[in-house]
PDB file of N, CA and C in Angstrom:
ATOM      1  N   MET A   1      42.431 107.780-153.282  1.00  0.00           N
ATOM      2  CA  MET A   1      43.996 107.115-153.882  1.00  0.00           C
ATOM      3  C   MET A   1      44.815 106.378-152.850  1.00  0.00           C
ATOM      4  N   GLN A   2      45.834 105.313-153.232  1.00  0.00           N
ATOM      5  CA  GLN A   2      46.298 105.098-152.250  1.00  0.00           C
ATOM      6  C   GLN A   2      47.149 105.260-151.869  1.00  0.00           C
ATOM      7  N   ALA A   3      47.700 105.349-150.515  1.00  0.00           N
ATOM      8  CA  ALA A   3      48.673 106.412-149.775  1.00  0.00           C
ATOM      9  C   ALA A   3      50.189 105.775-150.095  1.00  0.00           C
ATOM     10  N   LEU A   4      50.467 104.504-150.285  1.00  0.00           N
ATOM     11  CA  LEU A   4      51.541 104.241-150.303  1.00  0.00           C
ATOM     12  C   LEU A   4      52.337 103.789-151.658  1.00  0.00           C
ATOM     13  N   PHE A   5      53.144 104.066-152.394  1.00  0.00           N
ATOM     14  CA  PHE A   5      53.838 103.347-153.839  1.00  0.00           C
ATOM     15  C   PHE A   5      54.041 101.663-153.447  1.00  0.00           C
ATOM     16  N   ALA A   6      53.800 100.692-153.955  1.00  0.00           N
ATOM     17  CA  ALA A   6      54.961  99.898-154.290  1.00  0.00           C
ATOM     18  C   ALA A   6      56.152  99.633-154.079  1.00  0.00           C
ATOM     19  N   GLN A   7      56.838 100.480-154.791  1.00  0.00           N
ATOM     20  CA  GLN A   7      57.897 100.075-154.703  1.00  0.00           C
ATOM     21  C   GLN A   7      59.255 102.006-155.234  1.00  0.00           C
ATOM     22  N   GLN A   8      60.197 102.088-154.853  1.00  0.00           N
ATOM     23  CA  GLN A   8      60.875 102.662-154.859  1.00  0.00           C
ATOM     24  C   GLN A   8      62.168 103.203-155.452  1.00  0.00           C
ATOM     25  N   VAL A   9      62.667 103.923-155.794  1.00  0.00           N
ATOM     26  CA  VAL A   9      64.021 103.457-156.952  1.00  0.00           C
ATOM     27  C   VAL A   9      64.516 105.389-156.912  1.00  0.00           C
ATOM     28  N   THR A  10      65.430 105.731-156.206  1.00  0.00           N
ATOM     29  CA  THR A  10      65.969 106.838-156.371  1.00  0.00           C
ATOM     30  C   THR A  10      67.629 106.688-157.226  1.00  0.00           C
ATOM     31  N   PHE A  11      66.948 107.233-158.482  1.00  0.00           N
ATOM     32  CA  PHE A  11      67.876 107.629-159.681  1.00  0.00           C
ATOM     33  C   PHE A  11      69.050 108.859-158.794  1.00  0.00           C
ATOM     34  N   LEU A  12      70.425 108.282-159.688  1.00  0.00           N
ATOM     35  CA  LEU A  12      71.721 109.384-159.377  1.00  0.00           C
ATOM     36  C   LEU A  12      72.512 109.296-160.434  1.00  0.00           C
ATOM     37  N   TYR A  13      73.299 110.138-161.542  1.00  0.00           N
ATOM     38  CA  TYR A  13      74.080 109.953-162.264  1.00  0.00           C
ATOM     39  C   TYR A  13      75.240 109.991-162.005  1.00  0.00           C
ATOM     40  N   THR A  14      75.804 109.289-162.736  1.00  0.00           N
ATOM     41  CA  THR A  14      77.425 109.477-162.580  1.00  0.00           C
ATOM     42  C   THR A  14      78.355 109.551-163.642  1.00  0.00           C
ATOM     43  N   ALA A  15      79.667 109.885-163.976  1.00  0.00           N
ATOM     44  CA  ALA A  15      80.572 110.241-164.707  1.00  0.00           C
ATOM     45  C   ALA A  15      80.950 108.994-165.533  1.00  0.00           C
ATOM     46  N   ASP A  16      81.191 107.818-164.249  1.00  0.00           N
ATOM     47  CA  ASP A  16      81.796 106.763-164.228  1.00  0.00           C
ATOM     48  C   ASP A  16      81.394 105.785-163.840  1.00  0.00           C
ATOM     49  N   LEU A  17      80.650 104.422-164.960  1.00  0.00           N
ATOM     50  CA  LEU A  17      79.418 103.884-164.295  1.00  0.00           C
ATOM     51  C   LEU A  17      79.914 102.731-163.744  1.00  0.00           C
ATOM     52  N   ALA A  18      81.276 102.089-164.689  1.00  0.00           N
ATOM     53  CA  ALA A  18      81.868 100.995-164.245  1.00  0.00           C
ATOM     54  C   ALA A  18      82.597 101.569-162.832  1.00  0.00           C
ATOM     55  N   ALA A  19      83.300 102.678-162.376  1.00  0.00           N
ATOM     56  CA  ALA A  19      83.904 102.894-161.075  1.00  0.00           C
ATOM     57  C   ALA A  19      82.238 102.612-160.099  1.00  0.00           C
ATOM     58  N   THR A  20      81.971 102.900-160.447  1.00  0.00           N
ATOM     59  CA  THR A  20      80.657 103.430-159.097  1.00  0.00           C
ATOM     60  C   THR A  20      79.995 101.614-159.286  1.00  0.00           C
ATOM     61  N   ALA A  21      79.507 100.587-161.069  1.00  0.00           N
ATOM     62  CA  ALA A  21      79.172  99.584-160.628  1.00  0.00           C
ATOM     63  C   ALA A  21      79.862  98.139-159.736  1.00  0.00           C
ATOM     64  N   ARG A  22      80.919  98.837-159.877  1.00  0.00           N
ATOM     65  CA  ARG A  22      82.368  98.430-158.729  1.00  0.00           C
ATOM     66  C   ARG A  22      82.146  98.303-157.007  1.00  0.00           C
ATOM     67  N   PHE A  23      81.595  99.786-156.946  1.00  0.00           N
ATOM     68  CA  PHE A  23      82.091  99.256-155.877  1.00  0.00           C
ATOM     69  C   PHE A  23      80.610  99.432-155.042  1.00  0.00           C
ATOM     70  N   TYR A  24      79.812  99.817-155.572  1.00  0.00           N
ATOM     71  CA  TYR A  24      78.274  99.013-155.609  1.00  0.00           C
ATOM     72  C   TYR A  24      78.237  97.714-155.144  1.00  0.00           C
ATOM     73  N   GLU A  25      78.727  97.248-156.760  1.00  0.00           N
ATOM     74  CA  GLU A  25      78.377  95.493-156.359  1.00  0.00           C
ATOM     75  C   GLU A  25      79.773  94.817-155.529  1.00  0.00           C
ATOM     76  N   GLU A  26      80.428  95.458-155.727  1.00  0.00           N
ATOM     77  CA  GLU A  26      81.959  94.940-155.079  1.00  0.00           C
ATOM     78  C   GLU A  26      82.472  95.337-153.191  1.00  0.00           C
ATOM     79  N   ILE A  27      82.097  96.362-153.268  1.00  0.00           N
ATOM     80  CA  ILE A  27      82.574  96.836-152.039  1.00  0.00           C
ATOM     81  C   ILE A  27      81.567  96.988-151.143  1.00  0.00           C
ATOM     82  N   ILE A  28      80.111  97.828-151.488  1.00  0.00           N
ATOM     83  CA  ILE A  28      79.039  97.639-150.428  1.00  0.00           C
ATOM     84  C   ILE A  28      78.098  96.434-150.964  1.00  0.00           C
ATOM     85  N   GLY A  29      78.084  95.792-151.694  1.00  0.00           N
ATOM     86  CA  GLY A  29      77.280  94.589-151.813  1.00  0.00           C
ATOM     87  C   GLY A  29      76.107  94.599-152.518  1.00  0.00           C
ATOM     88  N   LEU A  30      75.574  95.835-152.534  1.00  0.00           N
ATOM     89  CA  LEU A  30      74.046  95.443-153.077  1.00  0.00           C
ATOM     90  C   LEU A  30      73.799  94.642-154.938  1.00  0.00           C
ATOM     91  N   PRO A  31      73.507  93.992-154.581  1.00  0.00           N
ATOM     92  CA  PRO A  31      72.477  92.909-155.692  1.00  0.00           C
ATOM     93  C   PRO A  31      71.945  93.962-156.985  1.00  0.00           C
ATOM     94  N   LEU A  32      73.033  93.608-158.550  1.00  0.00           N
ATOM     95  CA  LEU A  32      72.311  93.931-159.307  1.00  0.00           C
ATOM     96  C   LEU A  32      70.927  93.858-159.680  1.00  0.00           C
ATOM     97  N   VAL A  33      69.482  94.839-160.029  1.00  0.00           N
ATOM     98  CA  VAL A  33      68.791  93.311-160.072  1.00  0.00           C
ATOM     99  C   VAL A  33      68.204  94.122-162.022  1.00  0.00           C
ATOM    100  N   LEU A  34      68.592  94.986-162.373  1.00  0.00           N
ATOM    101  CA  LEU A  34      68.396  95.609-163.444  1.00  0.00           C
ATOM    102  C   LEU A  34      69.770  96.253-164.097  1.00  0.00           C
ATOM    103  N   ASP A  35      70.411  95.612-165.672  1.00  0.00           N
ATOM    104  CA  ASP A  35      71.360  96.934-166.530  1.00  0.00           C
ATOM    105  C   ASP A  35      70.518  97.016-167.497  1.00  0.00           C
ATOM    106  N   GLN A  36      70.359  97.944-167.878  1.00  0.00           N
ATOM    107  CA  GLN A  36      69.565  98.946-168.678  1.00  0.00           C
ATOM    108  C   GLN A  36      70.613  99.469-169.638  1.00  0.00           C
ATOM    109  N   GLY A  37      71.975  99.339-169.615  1.00  0.00           N
ATOM    110  CA  GLY A  37      73.241  99.332-170.593  1.00  0.00           C
ATOM    111  C   GLY A  37      74.005 100.773-169.721  1.00  0.00           C
ATOM    112  N   SER A  38      73.653 101.839-170.183  1.00  0.00           N
ATOM    113  CA  SER A  38      73.976 102.974-169.402  1.00  0.00           C
ATOM    114  C   SER A  38      73.505 103.780-167.430  1.00  0.00           C
ATOM    115  N   CYS A  39      72.355 102.441-167.119  1.00  0.00           N
ATOM    116  CA  CYS A  39      71.715 102.748-166.320  1.00  0.00           C
ATOM    117  C   CYS A  39      71.719 101.493-165.342  1.00  0.00           C
ATOM    118  N   ARG A  40      72.241 101.172-164.260  1.00  0.00           N
ATOM    119  CA  ARG A  40      71.950 100.001-163.927  1.00  0.00           C
ATOM    120  C   ARG A  40      71.681 100.332-162.388  1.00  0.00           C
ATOM    121  N   ILE A  41      70.618  99.208-161.868  1.00  0.00           N
ATOM    122  CA  ILE A  41      69.411  99.579-160.545  1.00  0.00           C
ATOM    123  C   ILE A  41      69.482  98.153-159.454  1.00  0.00           C
ATOM    124  N   TYR A  42      70.212  98.493-158.522  1.00  0.00           N
ATOM    125  CA  TYR A  42      70.806  98.619-157.624  1.00  0.00           C
ATOM    126  C   TYR A  42      69.779  97.348-156.314  1.00  0.00           C
ATOM    127  N   ARG A  43      69.448  96.292-155.759  1.00  0.00           N
ATOM    128  CA  ARG A  43      68.564  96.384-154.716  1.00  0.00           C
ATOM    129  C   ARG A  43      69.021  97.133-152.869  1.00  0.00           C
ATOM    130  N   VAL A  44      68.398  97.769-152.763  1.00  0.00           N
ATOM    131  CA  VAL A  44      69.050  98.237-151.103  1.00  0.00           C
ATOM    132  C   VAL A  44      67.805  97.524-150.287  1.00  0.00           C
ATOM    133  N   SER A  45      66.883  97.609-149.960  1.00  0.00           N
ATOM    134  CA  SER A  45      65.852  96.472-149.399  1.00  0.00           C
ATOM    135  C   SER A  45      64.879  95.895-150.073  1.00  0.00           C
ATOM    136  N   ALA A  46      64.115  95.351-149.732  1.00  0.00           N
ATOM    137  CA  ALA A  46      62.873  94.593-149.792  1.00  0.00           C
ATOM    138  C   ALA A  46      62.159  95.841-151.229  1.00  0.00           C
ATOM    139  N   ASP A  47      61.817  96.429-151.439  1.00  0.00           N
ATOM    140  CA  ASP A  47      61.403  97.257-152.397  1.00  0.00           C
ATOM    141  C   ASP A  47      61.871  99.087-152.714  1.00  0.00           C
ATOM    142  N   GLY A  48      62.727  98.681-152.064  1.00  0.00           N
ATOM    143  CA  GLY A  48      63.758 100.203-152.188  1.00  0.00           C
ATOM    144  C   GLY A  48      64.973 100.022-152.917  1.00  0.00           C
ATOM    145  N   PHE A  49      64.960 100.480-154.313  1.00  0.00           N
ATOM    146  CA  PHE A  49      66.091 100.993-155.555  1.00  0.00           C
ATOM    147  C   PHE A  49      67.271 101.877-155.436  1.00  0.00           C
ATOM    148  N   LEU A  50      68.415 101.521-155.682  1.00  0.00           N
ATOM    149  CA  LEU A  50      69.187 102.785-156.150  1.00  0.00           C
ATOM    150  C   LEU A  50      70.030 102.726-157.468  1.00  0.00           C
ATOM    151  N   GLY A  51      69.319 103.589-158.938  1.00  0.00           N
ATOM    152  CA  GLY A  51      69.925 103.443-159.429  1.00  0.00           C
ATOM    153  C   GLY A  51      71.267 104.755-159.919  1.00  0.00           C
ATOM    154  N   PHE A  52      72.165 104.433-161.079  1.00  0.00           N
ATOM    155  CA  PHE A  52      72.780 105.153-161.226  1.00  0.00           C
ATOM    156  C   PHE A  52      73.769 105.052-163.079  1.00  0.00           C
ATOM    157  N   CYS A  53      72.651 106.040-163.037  1.00  0.00           N
ATOM    158  CA  CYS A  53      73.156 106.691-164.565  1.00  0.00           C
ATOM    159  C   CYS A  53      73.591 107.224-165.698  1.00  0.00           C
ATOM    160  N   GLN A  54      75.284 106.768-166.557  1.00  0.00           N
ATOM    161  CA  GLN A  54      75.824 107.619-167.144  1.00  0.00           C
ATOM    162  C   GLN A  54      75.565 108.899-167.615  1.00  0.00           C
ATOM    163  N   ARG A  55      75.972 110.174-167.232  1.00  0.00           N
ATOM    164  CA  ARG A  55      75.804 111.267-167.842  1.00  0.00           C
ATOM    165  C   ARG A  55      77.290 111.677-167.040  1.00  0.00           C
ATOM    166  N   THR A  56      77.865 112.708-168.252  1.00  0.00           N
ATOM    167  CA  THR A  56      78.730 113.924-167.958  1.00  0.00           C
ATOM    168  C   THR A  56      78.103 114.377-167.334  1.00  0.00           C
ATOM    169  N   GLY A  57      79.234 115.785-166.367  1.00  0.00           N
ATOM    170  CA  GLY A  57      78.429 116.806-165.673  1.00  0.00           C
ATOM    171  C   GLY A  57      78.402 116.595-164.364  1.00  0.00           C
ATOM    172  N   ALA A  58      77.735 114.846-163.897  1.00  0.00           N
ATOM    173  CA  ALA A  58      77.903 114.891-162.923  1.00  0.00           C
ATOM    174  C   ALA A  58      77.440 115.394-161.875  1.00  0.00           C
ATOM    175  N   ALA A  59      76.682 116.407-161.449  1.00  0.00           N
ATOM    176  CA  ALA A  59      77.227 116.961-160.108  1.00  0.00           C
ATOM    177  C   ALA A  59      76.144 116.202-158.274  1.00  0.00           C
ATOM    178  N   PRO A  60      77.416 115.318-157.636  1.00  0.00           N
ATOM    179  CA  PRO A  60      77.059 114.856-156.500  1.00  0.00           C
ATOM    180  C   PRO A  60      76.088 116.173-155.331  1.00  0.00           C
ATOM    181  N   THR A  61      75.746 117.680-155.203  1.00  0.00           N
ATOM    182  CA  THR A  61      75.971 118.591-154.264  1.00  0.00           C
ATOM    183  C   THR A  61      74.272 118.189-153.571  1.00  0.00           C
ATOM    184  N   GLY A  62      75.052 117.819-152.455  1.00  0.00           N
ATOM    185  CA  GLY A  62      73.063 117.829-151.868  1.00  0.00           C
ATOM    186  C   GLY A  62      72.297 116.996-151.574  1.00  0.00           C
ATOM    187  N   VAL A  63      73.249 116.026-151.664  1.00  0.00           N
ATOM    188  CA  VAL A  63      72.557 114.549-151.715  1.00  0.00           C
ATOM    189  C   VAL A  63      73.004 113.670-150.804  1.00  0.00           C
ATOM    190  N   ILE A  64      72.535 113.245-149.991  1.00  0.00           N
ATOM    191  CA  ILE A  64      72.545 112.128-148.759  1.00  0.00           C
ATOM    192  C   ILE A  64      71.863 110.483-149.370  1.00  0.00           C
ATOM    193  N   VAL A  65      72.548 109.750-149.434  1.00  0.00           N
ATOM    194  CA  VAL A  65      71.789 108.798-149.550  1.00  0.00           C
ATOM    195  C   VAL A  65      72.345 107.899-148.660  1.00  0.00           C
ATOM    196  N   THR A  66      70.845 107.762-147.938  1.00  0.00           N
ATOM    197  CA  THR A  66      71.201 106.867-146.065  1.00  0.00           C
ATOM    198  C   THR A  66      70.871 105.539-146.392  1.00  0.00           C
ATOM    199  N   PHE A  67      71.791 104.394-145.926  1.00  0.00           N
ATOM    200  CA  PHE A  67      71.291 102.980-145.806  1.00  0.00           C
ATOM    201  C   PHE A  67      70.900 102.950-143.732  1.00  0.00           C
ATOM    202  N   VAL A  68      70.106 102.224-143.901  1.00  0.00           N
ATOM    203  CA  VAL A  68      69.377 102.186-142.432  1.00  0.00           C
ATOM    204  C   VAL A  68      69.697 101.398-142.191  1.00  0.00           C
ATOM    205  N   THR A  69      69.998 100.388-141.156  1.00  0.00           N
ATOM    206  CA  THR A  69      70.216  99.211-140.447  1.00  0.00           C
ATOM    207  C   THR A  69      70.586  98.952-138.563  1.00  0.00           C
ATOM    208  N   GLN A  70      70.636  97.870-138.088  1.00  0.00           N
ATOM    209  CA  GLN A  70      70.692  97.817-136.655  1.00  0.00           C
ATOM    210  C   GLN A  70      72.355  98.097-136.733  1.00  0.00           C
ATOM    211  N   ASN A  71      72.639  97.518-137.886  1.00  0.00           N
ATOM    212  CA  ASN A  71      74.330  97.436-137.445  1.00  0.00           C
ATOM    213  C   ASN A  71      75.297  98.433-137.976  1.00  0.00           C
ATOM    214  N   VAL A  72      75.315  99.285-137.815  1.00  0.00           N
ATOM    215  CA  VAL A  72      76.189 100.385-138.118  1.00  0.00           C
ATOM    216  C   VAL A  72      77.414 100.366-137.442  1.00  0.00           C
ATOM    217  N   ASP A  73      78.254  99.845-136.612  1.00  0.00           N
ATOM    218  CA  ASP A  73      79.603  99.518-136.586  1.00  0.00           C
ATOM    219  C   ASP A  73      79.869  97.993-137.181  1.00  0.00           C
ATOM    220  N   GLU A  74      79.074  97.456-137.191  1.00  0.00           N
ATOM    221  CA  GLU A  74      79.563  95.917-138.402  1.00  0.00           C
ATOM    222  C   GLU A  74      79.725  96.270-139.894  1.00  0.00           C
ATOM    223  N   TRP A  75      78.598  97.535-140.535  1.00  0.00           N
ATOM    224  CA  TRP A  75      79.410  97.710-141.853  1.00  0.00           C
ATOM    225  C   TRP A  75      80.359  98.412-142.322  1.00  0.00           C
ATOM    226  N   HIS A  76      80.341  99.959-141.083  1.00  0.00           N
ATOM    227  CA  HIS A  76      81.743 100.100-141.034  1.00  0.00           C
ATOM    228  C   HIS A  76      83.069  99.646-140.220  1.00  0.00           C
ATOM    229  N   MET A  77      82.903  98.515-140.092  1.00  0.00           N
ATOM    230  CA  MET A  77      83.731  96.951-139.960  1.00  0.00           C
ATOM    231  C   MET A  77      84.592  96.808-141.296  1.00  0.00           C
ATOM    232  N   GLN A  78      83.662  96.122-141.532  1.00  0.00           N
ATOM    233  CA  GLN A  78      83.513  95.000-143.082  1.00  0.00           C
ATOM    234  C   GLN A  78      83.724  96.362-144.017  1.00  0.00           C
ATOM    235  N   LEU A  79      83.305  97.392-144.319  1.00  0.00           N
ATOM    236  CA  LEU A  79      84.075  98.595-145.591  1.00  0.00           C
ATOM    237  C   LEU A  79      85.307  99.146-145.013  1.00  0.00           C
ATOM    238  N   VAL A  80      86.015  99.366-143.782  1.00  0.00           N
ATOM    239  CA  VAL A  80      87.429  99.740-143.832  1.00  0.00           C
ATOM    240  C   VAL A  80      88.120  98.606-143.852  1.00  0.00           C
ATOM    241  N   ALA A  81      87.798  97.312-143.270  1.00  0.00           N
ATOM    242  CA  ALA A  81      88.828  96.558-144.144  1.00  0.00           C
ATOM    243  C   ALA A  81      88.638  96.271-145.900  1.00  0.00           C
ATOM    244  N   ARG A  82      87.864  96.610-146.692  1.00  0.00           N
ATOM    245  CA  ARG A  82      87.970  97.017-147.657  1.00  0.00           C
ATOM    246  C   ARG A  82      88.181  97.869-148.320  1.00  0.00           C
ATOM    247  N   GLY A  83      88.723  99.215-147.679  1.00  0.00           N
ATOM    248  CA  GLY A  83      89.622  99.997-148.599  1.00  0.00           C
ATOM    249  C   GLY A  83      88.295 100.913-148.089  1.00  0.00           C
ATOM    250  N   VAL A  84      87.325 101.211-147.595  1.00  0.00           N
ATOM    251  CA  VAL A  84      86.794 102.664-147.243  1.00  0.00           C
ATOM    252  C   VAL A  84      87.445 103.346-146.090  1.00  0.00           C
ATOM    253  N   VAL A  85      87.534 104.572-146.684  1.00  0.00           N
ATOM    254  CA  VAL A  85      88.181 105.964-146.040  1.00  0.00           C
ATOM    255  C   VAL A  85      86.645 106.348-145.713  1.00  0.00           C
ATOM    256  N   PHE A  86      86.848 106.594-144.630  1.00  0.00           N
ATOM    257  CA  PHE A  86      85.105 107.337-143.987  1.00  0.00           C
ATOM    258  C   PHE A  86      85.691 108.483-143.454  1.00  0.00           C
ATOM    259  N   GLU A  87      84.320 109.490-143.659  1.00  0.00           N
ATOM    260  CA  GLU A  87      84.967 110.921-143.159  1.00  0.00           C
ATOM    261  C   GLU A  87      84.399 111.677-142.054  1.00  0.00           C
ATOM    262  N   LYS A  88      83.239 110.082-140.976  1.00  0.00           N
ATOM    263  CA  LYS A  88      82.705 110.532-140.092  1.00  0.00           C
ATOM    264  C   LYS A  88      83.322 108.989-139.629  1.00  0.00           C
ATOM    265  N   THR A  89      83.276 108.169-138.889  1.00  0.00           N
ATOM    266  CA  THR A  89      83.528 106.979-138.147  1.00  0.00           C
ATOM    267  C   THR A  89      82.213 107.077-137.104  1.00  0.00           C
ATOM    268  N   PRO A  90      81.718 106.109-136.498  1.00  0.00           N
ATOM    269  CA  PRO A  90      80.518 106.156-136.118  1.00  0.00           C
ATOM    270  C   PRO A  90      80.029 106.309-134.861  1.00  0.00           C
ATOM    271  N   THR A  91      78.576 107.638-134.625  1.00  0.00           N
ATOM    272  CA  THR A  91      78.887 108.443-133.949  1.00  0.00           C
ATOM    273  C   THR A  91      77.188 108.295-133.418  1.00  0.00           C
ATOM    274  N   PHE A  92      76.772 108.706-132.307  1.00  0.00           N
ATOM    275  CA  PHE A  92      75.601 109.011-131.681  1.00  0.00           C
ATOM    276  C   PHE A  92      75.333 110.928-131.839  1.00  0.00           C
ATOM    277  N   ASN A  93      74.105 110.816-132.533  1.00  0.00           N
ATOM    278  CA  ASN A  93      73.442 112.518-132.714  1.00  0.00           C
ATOM    279  C   ASN A  93      72.409 112.585-131.563  1.00  0.00           C
ATOM    280  N   THR A  94      73.132 113.434-131.155  1.00  0.00           N
ATOM    281  CA  THR A  94      72.172 113.817-130.185  1.00  0.00           C
ATOM    282  C   THR A  94      70.491 114.584-130.666  1.00  0.00           C
ATOM    283  N   ASP A  95      70.745 115.226-131.453  1.00  0.00           N
ATOM    284  CA  ASP A  95      70.143 116.114-132.342  1.00  0.00           C
ATOM    285  C   ASP A  95      68.711 115.011-132.810  1.00  0.00           C
ATOM    286  N   TYR A  96      68.780 114.360-133.599  1.00  0.00           N
ATOM    287  CA  TYR A  96      68.011 113.158-134.103  1.00  0.00           C
ATOM    288  C   TYR A  96      67.701 111.622-133.850  1.00  0.00           C
ATOM    289  N   ASN A  97      69.013 111.335-132.897  1.00  0.00           N
ATOM    290  CA  ASN A  97      68.473 110.588-132.271  1.00  0.00           C
ATOM    291  C   ASN A  97      68.844 109.617-132.943  1.00  0.00           C
ATOM    292  N   ILE A  98      70.136 108.764-133.435  1.00  0.00           N
ATOM    293  CA  ILE A  98      70.341 108.614-134.494  1.00  0.00           C
ATOM    294  C   ILE A  98      71.436 108.299-134.245  1.00  0.00           C
ATOM    295  N   TYR A  99      72.627 107.328-135.019  1.00  0.00           N
ATOM    296  CA  TYR A  99      74.398 106.360-134.718  1.00  0.00           C
ATOM    297  C   TYR A  99      74.386 106.258-135.963  1.00  0.00           C
ATOM    298  N   HIS A 100      75.039 106.939-136.475  1.00  0.00           N
ATOM    299  CA  HIS A 100      75.348 106.802-138.056  1.00  0.00           C
ATOM    300  C   HIS A 100      76.930 107.395-138.560  1.00  0.00           C
ATOM    301  N   CYS A 101      77.471 107.202-139.464  1.00  0.00           N
ATOM    302  CA  CYS A 101      78.634 107.225-139.957  1.00  0.00           C
ATOM    303  C   CYS A 101      78.411 107.499-141.847  1.00  0.00           C
ATOM    304  N   PHE A 102      79.354 108.258-141.890  1.00  0.00           N
ATOM    305  CA  PHE A 102      79.603 108.679-143.559  1.00  0.00           C
ATOM    306  C   PHE A 102      80.698 108.418-144.323  1.00  0.00           C
ATOM    307  N   LEU A 103      80.876 107.923-145.612  1.00  0.00           N
ATOM    308  CA  LEU A 103      81.804 107.740-146.388  1.00  0.00           C
ATOM    309  C   LEU A 103      81.190 108.764-147.319  1.00  0.00           C
ATOM    310  N   ARG A 104      82.037 108.402-149.041  1.00  0.00           N
ATOM    311  CA  ARG A 104      81.668 109.217-150.087  1.00  0.00           C
ATOM    312  C   ARG A 104      81.838 108.625-150.880  1.00  0.00           C
ATOM    313  N   ASP A 105      80.775 107.626-152.108  1.00  0.00           N
ATOM    314  CA  ASP A 105      81.290 107.080-153.037  1.00  0.00           C
ATOM    315  C   ASP A 105      82.041 107.527-154.132  1.00  0.00           C
ATOM    316  N   PRO A 106      82.202 106.943-155.461  1.00  0.00           N
ATOM    317  CA  PRO A 106      83.638 107.082-156.322  1.00  0.00           C
ATOM    318  C   PRO A 106      82.761 108.751-157.126  1.00  0.00           C
ATOM    319  N   ASN A 107      81.800 108.583-157.467  1.00  0.00           N
ATOM    320  CA  ASN A 107      81.293 109.952-157.788  1.00  0.00           C
ATOM    321  C   ASN A 107      81.586 110.871-156.749  1.00  0.00           C
ATOM    322  N   GLY A 108      81.236 110.888-155.478  1.00  0.00           N
ATOM    323  CA  GLY A 108      81.520 111.939-154.538  1.00  0.00           C
ATOM    324  C   GLY A 108      80.428 111.739-153.685  1.00  0.00           C
ATOM    325  N   TYR A 109      78.662 111.727-154.004  1.00  0.00           N
ATOM    326  CA  TYR A 109      78.068 111.442-153.158  1.00  0.00           C
ATOM    327  C   TYR A 109      78.024 111.362-151.607  1.00  0.00           C
ATOM    328  N   LEU A 110      77.952 111.751-150.733  1.00  0.00           N
ATOM    329  CA  LEU A 110      77.549 111.723-149.191  1.00  0.00           C
ATOM    330  C   LEU A 110      76.856 109.921-149.581  1.00  0.00           C
ATOM    331  N   LEU A 111      77.479 109.216-148.607  1.00  0.00           N
ATOM    332  CA  LEU A 111      76.396 107.905-148.178  1.00  0.00           C
ATOM    333  C   LEU A 111      76.368 107.952-146.520  1.00  0.00           C
ATOM    334  N   GLU A 112      75.078 107.826-146.207  1.00  0.00           N
ATOM    335  CA  GLU A 112      75.494 107.728-144.309  1.00  0.00           C
ATOM    336  C   GLU A 112      74.426 106.409-144.331  1.00  0.00           C
ATOM    337  N   ILE A 113      75.390 105.226-143.044  1.00  0.00           N
ATOM    338  CA  ILE A 113      74.034 104.025-142.789  1.00  0.00           C
ATOM    339  C   ILE A 113      74.184 105.019-141.283  1.00  0.00           C
ATOM    340  N   GLN A 114      72.966 104.660-141.289  1.00  0.00           N
ATOM    341  CA  GLN A 114      72.504 104.533-139.543  1.00  0.00           C
ATOM    342  C   GLN A 114      71.831 103.970-139.311  1.00  0.00           C
ATOM    343  N   ARG A 115      71.005 104.045-138.111  1.00  0.00           N
ATOM    344  CA  ARG A 115      70.343 103.338-136.933  1.00  0.00           C
ATOM    345  C   ARG A 115      69.416 104.408-136.455  1.00  0.00           C
ATOM    346  N   PHE A 116      67.805 104.428-137.019  1.00  0.00           N
ATOM    347  CA  PHE A 116      67.570 104.937-135.665  1.00  0.00           C
ATOM    348  C   PHE A 116      67.165 104.724-135.149  1.00  0.00           C
ATOM    349  N   CYS A 117      67.094 105.743-133.437  1.00  0.00           N
ATOM    350  CA  CYS A 117      67.234 104.769-132.009  1.00  0.00           C
ATOM    351  C   CYS A 117      65.845 105.605-131.442  1.00  0.00           C
ATOM    352  N   ASP A 118      64.695 106.057-132.181  1.00  0.00           N
ATOM    353  CA  ASP A 118      63.829 106.511-131.859  1.00  0.00           C
ATOM    354  C   ASP A 118      63.452 105.321-132.348  1.00  0.00           C
ATOM    355  N   PRO A 119      62.269 104.835-131.048  1.00  0.00           N
ATOM    356  CA  PRO A 119      61.600 104.118-131.161  1.00  0.00           C
ATOM    357  C   PRO A 119      60.137 103.808-132.799  1.00  0.00           C
ATOM    358  N   ALA A 120      60.053 105.281-133.147  1.00  0.00           N
ATOM    359  CA  ALA A 120      58.836 105.948-133.468  1.00  0.00           C
ATOM    360  C   ALA A 120      58.872 104.910-135.055  1.00  0.00           C
ATOM    361  N   TRP A 121      60.467 105.175-135.192  1.00  0.00           N
ATOM    362  CA  TRP A 121      60.533 104.956-136.665  1.00  0.00           C
ATOM    363  C   TRP A 121      60.383 103.166-136.888  1.00  0.00           C
ATOM    364  N   PRO A 122      59.780 103.247-137.960  1.00  0.00           N
ATOM    365  CA  PRO A 122      58.330 101.759-138.554  1.00  0.00           C
ATOM    366  C   PRO A 122      59.696 101.454-138.851  1.00  0.00           C
ATOM    367  N   GLN A 123      59.867 100.213-138.208  1.00  0.00           N
ATOM    368  CA  GLN A 123      60.139  99.113-138.892  1.00  0.00           C
ATOM    369  C   GLN A 123      60.061  97.983-140.102  1.00  0.00           C
ATOM    370  N   PRO A 124      61.148  97.377-140.423  1.00  0.00           N
ATOM    371  CA  PRO A 124      60.857  96.506-141.211  1.00  0.00           C
ATOM    372  C   PRO A 124      59.740  95.656-141.419  1.00  0.00           C
TER     373      PRO A 124
END
């Protein structure tokens, strides 16, 4: 059995696909790679993808989508300039040895922009 998969897609539900598309395409700037009508899939990294599917009653409870970057402060500044309100501004978390911040998307999903400070974290 091969240890790694070739690609990864996380699918989340949204009650408002149009608002979600505007946020991820225009605010975050993720490229749309596949429009399936009621689902839209975005490229997050070389082989990592995030998909949103139109569903009523979508509940974002217990989900955190984390975007890993060395440029947490730059992302924070760019998104604030685009009108995004952050729940937690960039801070160092000693428990996990990470530098991160939190915001929410239009669906209420918690988004984290994070840098791993532990040298054991695999680099892209």
